[in-house]
N, C-alpha and C. Protein backbone atom coordinates (compact mmCIF):
# COMPACT_ATOMS: atom_id res chain seq x y z
N MET A 1 158.09 -51.85 102.31
CA MET A 1 157.79 -51.02 101.01
C MET A 1 156.71 -51.98 100.36
N PRO A 2 155.66 -51.31 99.78
CA PRO A 2 154.79 -52.15 99.06
C PRO A 2 155.36 -52.44 97.62
N PHE A 3 154.88 -53.62 97.14
CA PHE A 3 155.50 -54.18 95.90
C PHE A 3 155.08 -53.05 94.77
N SER A 4 154.04 -52.39 94.86
CA SER A 4 153.66 -51.37 93.82
C SER A 4 154.74 -50.23 93.61
N LEU A 5 155.56 -50.16 94.66
CA LEU A 5 156.57 -48.94 94.63
C LEU A 5 157.80 -49.32 94.01
N LEU A 6 158.04 -50.75 93.73
CA LEU A 6 159.22 -51.30 93.02
C LEU A 6 159.20 -51.00 91.74
N GLY A 7 160.43 -50.46 91.30
CA GLY A 7 160.55 -50.29 89.78
C GLY A 7 161.25 -51.59 89.32
N ALA A 8 162.25 -51.41 88.57
CA ALA A 8 162.99 -52.57 88.10
C ALA A 8 164.04 -53.05 89.25
N VAL A 9 163.90 -54.37 89.35
CA VAL A 9 165.01 -55.06 90.32
C VAL A 9 165.96 -55.84 89.67
N GLN A 10 167.17 -55.60 90.01
CA GLN A 10 168.23 -56.35 89.27
C GLN A 10 169.04 -56.96 90.54
N ASN A 11 169.55 -58.16 90.30
CA ASN A 11 170.19 -58.91 91.21
C ASN A 11 171.78 -58.79 90.88
N GLN A 12 172.43 -57.93 91.74
CA GLN A 12 173.84 -57.71 91.56
C GLN A 12 174.89 -58.68 92.29
N SER A 13 174.31 -59.58 92.84
CA SER A 13 175.05 -60.58 93.72
C SER A 13 175.88 -61.67 92.86
N ARG A 14 175.43 -61.83 91.53
CA ARG A 14 176.18 -62.78 90.81
C ARG A 14 177.27 -61.96 89.96
N ASP A 15 178.37 -62.56 89.61
CA ASP A 15 179.19 -61.96 88.86
C ASP A 15 179.37 -62.45 87.40
N TRP A 16 178.19 -63.17 87.06
CA TRP A 16 178.16 -63.61 85.64
C TRP A 16 176.77 -63.36 85.13
N VAL A 17 176.57 -63.45 83.92
CA VAL A 17 175.26 -63.28 83.11
C VAL A 17 175.19 -64.36 82.02
N ILE A 18 173.96 -64.53 81.59
CA ILE A 18 173.74 -65.47 80.58
C ILE A 18 173.38 -64.73 79.34
N ASP A 19 174.22 -64.67 78.33
CA ASP A 19 173.99 -63.91 77.11
C ASP A 19 173.30 -64.96 76.11
N LYS A 20 172.09 -64.62 75.62
CA LYS A 20 171.23 -65.36 74.64
C LYS A 20 171.46 -64.70 73.28
N ILE A 21 171.83 -65.46 72.25
CA ILE A 21 172.14 -65.01 71.03
C ILE A 21 171.23 -65.80 69.99
N ALA A 22 170.55 -65.07 69.01
CA ALA A 22 169.80 -65.50 67.94
C ALA A 22 170.66 -65.49 66.70
N ILE A 23 170.68 -66.63 66.02
CA ILE A 23 171.45 -66.70 64.80
C ILE A 23 170.55 -67.38 63.68
N GLY A 24 170.34 -66.52 62.60
CA GLY A 24 169.50 -66.82 61.53
C GLY A 24 170.20 -67.65 60.46
N VAL A 25 169.69 -68.79 60.10
CA VAL A 25 170.33 -69.61 59.12
C VAL A 25 169.16 -69.91 58.01
N THR A 26 169.58 -70.12 56.72
CA THR A 26 168.52 -70.44 55.69
C THR A 26 167.76 -71.67 55.90
N TYR A 27 166.70 -71.85 55.40
CA TYR A 27 165.95 -73.03 55.53
C TYR A 27 166.70 -74.31 54.92
N ASP A 28 167.44 -74.17 53.91
CA ASP A 28 168.29 -75.22 53.39
C ASP A 28 169.65 -75.66 54.05
N SER A 29 169.82 -74.83 55.31
CA SER A 29 171.11 -75.01 55.87
C SER A 29 171.10 -76.46 56.64
N ASP A 30 172.13 -77.09 56.86
CA ASP A 30 172.33 -78.21 57.64
C ASP A 30 172.39 -77.83 59.16
N LEU A 31 171.39 -78.20 59.96
CA LEU A 31 171.35 -77.80 61.29
C LEU A 31 172.53 -78.50 62.23
N THR A 32 172.74 -79.70 61.70
CA THR A 32 173.80 -80.49 62.47
C THR A 32 175.05 -79.76 62.24
N LEU A 33 175.31 -79.37 61.01
CA LEU A 33 176.56 -78.51 60.78
C LEU A 33 176.68 -77.24 61.50
N ALA A 34 175.46 -76.48 61.53
CA ALA A 34 175.36 -75.18 62.26
C ALA A 34 175.68 -75.62 63.76
N LYS A 35 175.11 -76.60 64.37
CA LYS A 35 175.51 -76.84 65.87
C LYS A 35 176.99 -77.03 65.98
N LYS A 36 177.55 -77.92 65.13
CA LYS A 36 179.04 -78.18 65.20
C LYS A 36 179.80 -76.71 64.91
N LEU A 37 179.46 -75.94 64.09
CA LEU A 37 180.07 -74.62 63.86
C LEU A 37 180.00 -73.80 65.16
N ILE A 38 178.82 -73.71 65.74
CA ILE A 38 178.56 -72.89 66.88
C ILE A 38 179.52 -73.41 67.91
N LYS A 39 179.52 -74.74 68.19
CA LYS A 39 180.37 -75.38 69.19
C LYS A 39 181.84 -74.98 68.92
N GLN A 40 182.25 -75.09 67.76
CA GLN A 40 183.69 -74.73 67.29
C GLN A 40 184.07 -73.21 67.75
N VAL A 41 183.16 -72.47 67.31
CA VAL A 41 183.43 -71.04 67.68
C VAL A 41 183.48 -70.80 69.11
N GLY A 42 182.61 -71.52 69.82
CA GLY A 42 182.64 -71.47 71.32
C GLY A 42 184.03 -71.99 71.85
N LEU A 43 184.53 -73.08 71.29
CA LEU A 43 185.87 -73.61 71.89
C LEU A 43 186.92 -72.64 71.58
N GLU A 44 186.76 -72.12 70.28
CA GLU A 44 187.86 -71.13 69.86
C GLU A 44 187.90 -69.94 70.70
N LEU A 45 186.68 -69.45 71.19
CA LEU A 45 186.64 -68.25 71.98
C LEU A 45 187.24 -68.67 73.47
N ALA A 46 187.09 -69.83 73.90
CA ALA A 46 187.47 -70.33 75.09
C ALA A 46 189.00 -70.42 75.08
N LYS A 47 189.75 -70.74 73.99
CA LYS A 47 191.12 -70.85 73.91
C LYS A 47 191.78 -69.54 73.60
N ASP A 48 191.08 -68.44 73.08
CA ASP A 48 191.72 -67.18 72.76
C ASP A 48 192.10 -66.54 73.98
N PRO A 49 193.35 -66.04 73.91
CA PRO A 49 193.89 -65.32 75.29
C PRO A 49 193.25 -64.04 75.61
N GLU A 50 192.51 -63.36 74.61
CA GLU A 50 191.87 -62.06 74.83
C GLU A 50 190.47 -62.43 75.51
N PHE A 51 189.83 -63.52 75.04
CA PHE A 51 188.42 -63.85 75.50
C PHE A 51 188.30 -64.74 76.67
N ALA A 52 189.23 -65.78 76.63
CA ALA A 52 189.17 -66.86 77.51
C ALA A 52 188.95 -66.35 79.01
N PRO A 53 189.67 -65.33 79.46
CA PRO A 53 189.39 -64.89 80.83
C PRO A 53 188.01 -64.38 81.18
N LEU A 54 187.34 -63.96 80.03
CA LEU A 54 185.99 -63.38 80.27
C LEU A 54 184.86 -64.27 80.22
N ILE A 55 185.22 -65.62 79.98
CA ILE A 55 184.09 -66.66 79.62
C ILE A 55 183.99 -67.57 80.82
N LEU A 56 182.84 -67.82 81.42
CA LEU A 56 182.64 -68.87 82.46
C LEU A 56 182.27 -70.17 81.76
N GLU A 57 181.32 -70.12 80.83
CA GLU A 57 180.79 -71.24 79.93
C GLU A 57 180.90 -70.90 78.72
N PRO A 58 181.33 -71.72 77.76
CA PRO A 58 181.52 -71.39 76.26
C PRO A 58 180.05 -71.43 75.57
N LEU A 59 180.11 -70.82 74.22
CA LEU A 59 178.94 -70.66 73.51
C LEU A 59 178.48 -72.08 73.10
N LYS A 60 177.19 -72.28 73.22
CA LYS A 60 176.58 -73.62 72.73
C LYS A 60 175.15 -73.30 72.27
N MET A 61 174.82 -74.23 71.30
CA MET A 61 173.64 -74.01 70.73
C MET A 61 172.52 -74.72 71.56
N GLN A 62 171.39 -74.10 71.67
CA GLN A 62 170.31 -74.60 72.45
C GLN A 62 169.10 -75.18 71.62
N GLY A 63 169.24 -74.84 70.41
CA GLY A 63 168.04 -75.45 69.44
C GLY A 63 167.47 -74.40 68.70
N VAL A 64 166.29 -74.78 67.92
CA VAL A 64 165.74 -73.85 66.98
C VAL A 64 164.73 -73.26 67.96
N ASP A 65 164.90 -71.71 67.76
CA ASP A 65 163.96 -70.87 68.49
C ASP A 65 162.61 -70.55 67.72
N GLN A 66 162.59 -70.37 66.53
CA GLN A 66 161.51 -70.09 65.75
C GLN A 66 161.81 -70.27 64.25
N LEU A 67 160.72 -70.29 63.56
CA LEU A 67 160.77 -70.46 62.13
C LEU A 67 160.30 -69.01 61.48
N GLY A 68 161.15 -68.42 61.00
CA GLY A 68 160.68 -67.01 60.39
C GLY A 68 160.38 -67.14 59.00
N ASP A 69 160.22 -65.87 58.41
CA ASP A 69 159.79 -65.90 56.93
C ASP A 69 160.87 -66.43 56.09
N PHE A 70 162.17 -65.86 56.42
CA PHE A 70 163.37 -66.18 55.55
C PHE A 70 164.34 -66.93 56.15
N ALA A 71 164.29 -67.23 57.49
CA ALA A 71 165.51 -68.04 58.13
C ALA A 71 164.78 -68.90 59.42
N VAL A 72 165.68 -69.73 59.69
CA VAL A 72 165.34 -70.57 60.83
C VAL A 72 166.32 -69.80 62.05
N GLN A 73 165.54 -69.50 62.99
CA GLN A 73 166.40 -68.74 64.18
C GLN A 73 166.80 -69.74 65.17
N ILE A 74 168.21 -69.94 65.18
CA ILE A 74 168.75 -70.81 66.20
C ILE A 74 169.03 -70.00 67.33
N ARG A 75 168.90 -70.56 68.57
CA ARG A 75 169.29 -69.89 69.70
C ARG A 75 170.57 -70.48 70.45
N ALA A 76 171.35 -69.68 70.82
CA ALA A 76 172.71 -70.16 71.45
C ALA A 76 172.77 -69.26 72.64
N LYS A 77 173.58 -69.72 73.59
CA LYS A 77 173.92 -69.02 74.82
C LYS A 77 175.39 -69.23 75.28
N MET A 78 175.75 -68.21 76.05
CA MET A 78 177.08 -68.42 76.69
C MET A 78 176.90 -67.56 77.99
N MET A 79 178.08 -67.83 78.88
CA MET A 79 177.98 -67.33 80.21
C MET A 79 179.32 -66.61 80.48
N PRO A 80 179.30 -65.19 80.13
CA PRO A 80 180.44 -64.52 80.54
C PRO A 80 180.29 -63.86 81.82
N TYR A 81 181.59 -63.33 82.38
CA TYR A 81 181.43 -62.64 83.55
C TYR A 81 180.54 -61.29 83.30
N ARG A 82 179.91 -60.85 84.33
CA ARG A 82 179.04 -59.58 84.20
C ARG A 82 179.78 -58.48 83.45
N GLU A 83 180.91 -58.08 83.95
CA GLU A 83 181.59 -56.87 83.47
C GLU A 83 182.09 -57.06 82.07
N SER A 84 182.07 -58.27 81.46
CA SER A 84 182.63 -58.43 80.13
C SER A 84 181.56 -58.62 79.12
N SER A 85 180.20 -58.78 79.54
CA SER A 85 179.10 -59.17 78.89
C SER A 85 178.84 -58.03 77.69
N SER A 86 178.86 -56.94 78.07
CA SER A 86 178.49 -55.77 77.10
C SER A 86 179.84 -55.57 76.27
N SER A 87 180.99 -55.98 76.70
CA SER A 87 182.15 -55.72 75.84
C SER A 87 182.42 -56.58 74.66
N PHE A 88 181.63 -57.75 74.67
CA PHE A 88 181.82 -58.61 73.50
C PHE A 88 181.43 -57.98 72.17
N GLY A 89 180.28 -57.21 72.31
CA GLY A 89 179.88 -56.64 71.07
C GLY A 89 180.60 -55.41 70.65
N ASP A 90 181.53 -55.05 71.37
CA ASP A 90 182.28 -53.78 71.07
C ASP A 90 183.65 -54.06 70.56
N ARG A 91 183.92 -55.38 70.37
CA ARG A 91 185.27 -55.87 69.86
C ARG A 91 185.18 -56.07 68.39
N PRO A 92 186.07 -55.86 67.73
CA PRO A 92 186.23 -56.25 66.19
C PRO A 92 186.40 -57.70 66.04
N MET A 93 185.70 -58.16 65.04
CA MET A 93 185.73 -59.65 64.73
C MET A 93 187.01 -59.76 63.81
N ARG A 94 187.64 -61.11 64.09
CA ARG A 94 188.89 -61.23 63.42
C ARG A 94 188.70 -62.12 62.25
């Protein structure tokens, strides 16, 4: 099959995904504190009986992604199992 005939290709052999999350914080925010809070949230999710079975690697901060007009965009990521990835956004926050 010629490559020009290929549409979107998706690897279904993995049972996990990497979810990347952008978090906006104000310019006067303490980025060290933000990193600690993001790590704390990740650890709490990993301990939660509802979420723990869905998570392969906890939420962690990767660093500053960009400097916006009104906020510093921090990038974070986590590695949930594929079937659970879309369901995180559908759950109510406590």
